[in-house]
Amino acid sequence: MVSAKIQGSECHLKVVRVRVLSRRRLREFWEEHPDSQAPLDAWHKRAEKADGSKFADLKADYATADLVGPYVVINIGGNKYRLILEIFFESGVLLVRHVLTHKEYDLGQWKEQPKERSSGQEKVRRGRKPKGN
């Protein structure tokens, strides 16, 4: 929690530090596509230094970021690759679900792959809490 004084009144700002999980997926991808290593590594370093608690913060840093269903998709390496991310904005957890070439992304098979989620894990999209909370 960060405290600040704004025009004589005190306010508290919640700053969420991002934790990127699944770096292994990035590494496995760049082992098959060596030219992706530099842009993926640069993205990873930038993402881990990010502070953000809503999609608008991410969009400000990555203009190519789009919401596609429950995922955030980011173009990497000059539109050559796609990162498919699942982001829990409230807790600052960013999961790398898929790293794909543009061609693999266009096939759309990544949308059909089931994902596992532990019970009780709630996702916050666009910086808002799920309905009912």
C-alpha atoms as a PDB file:
ATOM      1  CA  MET A   1       0.000   0.000   0.000  1.00  0.00           C
ATOM      2  CA  VAL A   2       1.335   3.440  -0.894  1.00  0.00           C
ATOM      3  CA  SER A   3       0.191   6.576   0.878  1.00  0.00           C
ATOM      4  CA  ALA A   4       0.182   9.988  -0.727  1.00  0.00           C
ATOM      5  CA  LYS A   5      -1.178  13.451  -0.029  1.00  0.00           C
ATOM      6  CA  ILE A   6      -3.195  14.974  -2.810  1.00  0.00           C
ATOM      7  CA  GLN A   7      -4.385  18.579  -2.361  1.00  0.00           C
ATOM      8  CA  GLY A   8      -4.357  18.364   1.413  1.00  0.00           C
ATOM      9  CA  SER A   9      -6.231  15.074   1.717  1.00  0.00           C
ATOM     10  CA  GLU A  10      -4.684  11.694   2.299  1.00  0.00           C
ATOM     11  CA  CYS A  11      -5.292   8.845  -0.098  1.00  0.00           C
ATOM     12  CA  HIS A  12      -4.079   5.276  -0.316  1.00  0.00           C
ATOM     13  CA  LEU A  13      -3.126   3.721  -3.607  1.00  0.00           C
ATOM     14  CA  LYS A  14      -2.868  -0.008  -4.099  1.00  0.00           C
ATOM     15  CA  VAL A  15       0.179  -0.847  -6.198  1.00  0.00           C
ATOM     16  CA  VAL A  16       0.226  -4.409  -7.461  1.00  0.00           C
ATOM     17  CA  ARG A  17       3.551  -5.900  -8.482  1.00  0.00           C
ATOM     18  CA  VAL A  18       3.254  -8.429 -11.303  1.00  0.00           C
ATOM     19  CA  ARG A  19       4.541 -11.992 -10.927  1.00  0.00           C
ATOM     20  CA  VAL A  20       5.027 -13.840 -14.211  1.00  0.00           C
ATOM     21  CA  LEU A  21       4.499 -17.584 -13.970  1.00  0.00           C
ATOM     22  CA  SER A  22       5.471 -20.123 -16.623  1.00  0.00           C
ATOM     23  CA  ARG A  23       8.754 -18.654 -17.852  1.00  0.00           C
ATOM     24  CA  ARG A  24       9.488 -22.240 -18.829  1.00  0.00           C
ATOM     25  CA  ARG A  25       6.954 -21.913 -21.680  1.00  0.00           C
ATOM     26  CA  LEU A  26       8.866 -18.909 -23.001  1.00  0.00           C
ATOM     27  CA  ARG A  27      12.155 -20.803 -22.849  1.00  0.00           C
ATOM     28  CA  GLU A  28      10.718 -23.886 -24.547  1.00  0.00           C
ATOM     29  CA  PHE A  29       9.322 -21.716 -27.333  1.00  0.00           C
ATOM     30  CA  TRP A  30      12.554 -19.833 -28.002  1.00  0.00           C
ATOM     31  CA  GLU A  31      14.464 -23.111 -28.108  1.00  0.00           C
ATOM     32  CA  GLU A  32      12.323 -23.990 -31.160  1.00  0.00           C
ATOM     33  CA  HIS A  33      12.253 -20.420 -32.498  1.00  0.00           C
ATOM     34  CA  PRO A  34      15.639 -18.854 -31.584  1.00  0.00           C
ATOM     35  CA  ASP A  35      14.780 -15.455 -33.073  1.00  0.00           C
ATOM     36  CA  SER A  36      11.986 -15.116 -30.488  1.00  0.00           C
ATOM     37  CA  GLN A  37      14.349 -15.220 -27.500  1.00  0.00           C
ATOM     38  CA  ALA A  38      15.271 -11.523 -27.444  1.00  0.00           C
ATOM     39  CA  PRO A  39      11.705 -10.152 -27.708  1.00  0.00           C
ATOM     40  CA  LEU A  40      10.302 -12.736 -25.261  1.00  0.00           C
ATOM     41  CA  ASP A  41      13.054 -12.107 -22.746  1.00  0.00           C
ATOM     42  CA  ALA A  42      12.562  -8.330 -23.077  1.00  0.00           C
ATOM     43  CA  TRP A  43       8.811  -8.746 -22.559  1.00  0.00           C
ATOM     44  CA  HIS A  44       9.388 -10.920 -19.481  1.00  0.00           C
ATOM     45  CA  LYS A  45      11.746  -8.401 -17.862  1.00  0.00           C
ATOM     46  CA  ARG A  46       9.353  -5.532 -18.580  1.00  0.00           C
ATOM     47  CA  ALA A  47       6.338  -7.481 -17.306  1.00  0.00           C
ATOM     48  CA  GLU A  48       8.015  -8.332 -14.007  1.00  0.00           C
ATOM     49  CA  LYS A  49       8.745  -4.648 -13.374  1.00  0.00           C
ATOM     50  CA  ALA A  50       5.182  -3.592 -14.184  1.00  0.00           C
ATOM     51  CA  ASP A  51       2.726  -2.177 -11.709  1.00  0.00           C
ATOM     52  CA  GLY A  52      -0.848  -2.571 -12.764  1.00  0.00           C
ATOM     53  CA  SER A  53      -4.181  -3.551 -11.418  1.00  0.00           C
ATOM     54  CA  LYS A  54      -6.381  -3.336 -14.506  1.00  0.00           C
ATOM     55  CA  PHE A  55      -6.423  -4.046 -18.213  1.00  0.00           C
ATOM     56  CA  ALA A  56      -6.088  -0.338 -19.080  1.00  0.00           C
ATOM     57  CA  ASP A  57      -2.664  -0.285 -17.366  1.00  0.00           C
ATOM     58  CA  LEU A  58      -1.538  -3.207 -19.481  1.00  0.00           C
ATOM     59  CA  LYS A  59      -2.972  -1.682 -22.655  1.00  0.00           C
ATOM     60  CA  ALA A  60      -1.026   1.522 -21.946  1.00  0.00           C
ATOM     61  CA  ASP A  61       2.219  -0.485 -21.920  1.00  0.00           C
ATOM     62  CA  TYR A  62       1.299  -2.874 -24.752  1.00  0.00           C
ATOM     63  CA  ALA A  63      -0.846  -1.198 -27.397  1.00  0.00           C
ATOM     64  CA  THR A  64      -1.353  -4.564 -29.139  1.00  0.00           C
ATOM     65  CA  ALA A  65      -2.920  -6.159 -26.047  1.00  0.00           C
ATOM     66  CA  ASP A  66      -6.423  -7.467 -26.677  1.00  0.00           C
ATOM     67  CA  LEU A  67      -8.944  -9.368 -24.603  1.00  0.00           C
ATOM     68  CA  VAL A  68      -9.910 -12.609 -26.341  1.00  0.00           C
ATOM     69  CA  GLY A  69     -12.354 -14.478 -24.168  1.00  0.00           C
ATOM     70  CA  PRO A  70     -10.751 -14.963 -20.761  1.00  0.00           C
ATOM     71  CA  TYR A  71      -7.253 -14.274 -22.119  1.00  0.00           C
ATOM     72  CA  VAL A  72      -5.069 -11.311 -22.954  1.00  0.00           C
ATOM     73  CA  VAL A  73      -3.254 -11.666 -26.284  1.00  0.00           C
ATOM     74  CA  ILE A  74      -0.101  -9.648 -26.981  1.00  0.00           C
ATOM     75  CA  ASN A  75       1.846  -9.435 -30.245  1.00  0.00           C
ATOM     76  CA  ILE A  76       5.569 -10.032 -29.756  1.00  0.00           C
ATOM     77  CA  GLY A  77       8.543  -9.760 -32.079  1.00  0.00           C
ATOM     78  CA  GLY A  78       7.070  -7.390 -34.650  1.00  0.00           C
ATOM     79  CA  ASN A  79       3.739  -9.230 -34.889  1.00  0.00           C
ATOM     80  CA  LYS A  80       5.499 -12.525 -35.569  1.00  0.00           C
ATOM     81  CA  TYR A  81       4.528 -14.227 -32.293  1.00  0.00           C
ATOM     82  CA  ARG A  82       1.589 -14.222 -29.864  1.00  0.00           C
ATOM     83  CA  LEU A  83       1.589 -14.471 -26.097  1.00  0.00           C
ATOM     84  CA  ILE A  84      -1.634 -15.834 -24.646  1.00  0.00           C
ATOM     85  CA  LEU A  85      -1.869 -14.747 -21.027  1.00  0.00           C
ATOM     86  CA  GLU A  86      -4.261 -15.301 -18.177  1.00  0.00           C
ATOM     87  CA  ILE A  87      -4.037 -12.401 -15.768  1.00  0.00           C
ATOM     88  CA  PHE A  88      -5.307 -12.100 -12.221  1.00  0.00           C
ATOM     89  CA  PHE A  89      -5.085  -8.328 -11.868  1.00  0.00           C
ATOM     90  CA  GLU A  90      -6.040  -8.110  -8.208  1.00  0.00           C
ATOM     91  CA  SER A  91      -3.217 -10.399  -7.078  1.00  0.00           C
ATOM     92  CA  GLY A  92      -0.777  -9.415  -9.834  1.00  0.00           C
ATOM     93  CA  VAL A  93      -0.353 -12.962 -11.143  1.00  0.00           C
ATOM     94  CA  LEU A  94       0.267 -13.361 -14.858  1.00  0.00           C
ATOM     95  CA  LEU A  95       0.181 -16.889 -16.306  1.00  0.00           C
ATOM     96  CA  VAL A  96       1.718 -17.582 -19.693  1.00  0.00           C
ATOM     97  CA  ARG A  97      -0.801 -20.025 -21.182  1.00  0.00           C
ATOM     98  CA  HIS A  98       0.576 -20.225 -24.730  1.00  0.00           C
ATOM     99  CA  VAL A  99       3.376 -18.832 -26.872  1.00  0.00           C
ATOM    100  CA  LEU A 100       2.557 -19.233 -30.563  1.00  0.00           C
ATOM    101  CA  THR A 101       3.639 -18.223 -33.998  1.00  0.00           C
ATOM    102  CA  HIS A 102       1.212 -15.977 -35.864  1.00  0.00           C
ATOM    103  CA  LYS A 103       0.182 -18.963 -37.999  1.00  0.00           C
ATOM    104  CA  GLU A 104      -0.473 -21.200 -34.956  1.00  0.00           C
ATOM    105  CA  TYR A 105      -2.510 -18.444 -33.343  1.00  0.00           C
ATOM    106  CA  ASP A 106      -4.662 -18.011 -36.450  1.00  0.00           C
ATOM    107  CA  LEU A 107      -5.570 -21.728 -36.373  1.00  0.00           C
ATOM    108  CA  GLY A 108      -7.389 -21.015 -33.103  1.00  0.00           C
ATOM    109  CA  GLN A 109      -6.741 -24.418 -31.521  1.00  0.00           C
ATOM    110  CA  TRP A 110      -5.429 -22.734 -28.367  1.00  0.00           C
ATOM    111  CA  LYS A 111      -8.991 -21.555 -27.624  1.00  0.00           C
ATOM    112  CA  GLU A 112     -10.225 -25.156 -27.447  1.00  0.00           C
ATOM    113  CA  GLN A 113      -7.601 -26.478 -25.041  1.00  0.00           C
ATOM    114  CA  PRO A 114      -9.029 -26.978 -21.553  1.00  0.00           C
ATOM    115  CA  LYS A 115      -7.260 -25.289 -18.713  1.00  0.00           C
ATOM    116  CA  GLU A 116      -7.081 -26.360 -15.114  1.00  0.00           C
ATOM    117  CA  ARG A 117      -7.928 -23.953 -12.333  1.00  0.00           C
ATOM    118  CA  SER A 118      -7.953 -24.743  -8.663  1.00  0.00           C
ATOM    119  CA  SER A 119     -11.283 -24.285  -6.956  1.00  0.00           C
ATOM    120  CA  GLY A 120     -11.739 -20.942  -5.278  1.00  0.00           C
ATOM    121  CA  GLN A 121      -9.360 -19.155  -7.617  1.00  0.00           C
ATOM    122  CA  GLU A 122     -11.280 -16.182  -8.923  1.00  0.00           C
ATOM    123  CA  LYS A 123     -10.213 -14.156 -11.880  1.00  0.00           C
ATOM    124  CA  VAL A 124     -10.432 -10.410 -11.984  1.00  0.00           C
ATOM    125  CA  ARG A 125     -10.819  -8.991 -15.463  1.00  0.00           C
ATOM    126  CA  ARG A 126     -10.475  -5.379 -16.456  1.00  0.00           C
ATOM    127  CA  GLY A 127      -9.599  -4.469 -12.884  1.00  0.00           C
ATOM    128  CA  ARG A 128     -13.036  -5.328 -11.447  1.00  0.00           C
ATOM    129  CA  LYS A 129     -14.079  -7.955  -8.954  1.00  0.00           C
ATOM    130  CA  PRO A 130     -16.344 -10.745 -10.202  1.00  0.00           C
ATOM    131  CA  LYS A 131     -20.070 -10.228  -9.747  1.00  0.00           C
ATOM    132  CA  GLY A 132     -21.450 -11.329  -6.430  1.00  0.00           C
ATOM    133  CA  ASN A 133     -18.439 -10.185  -4.369  1.00  0.00           C
END
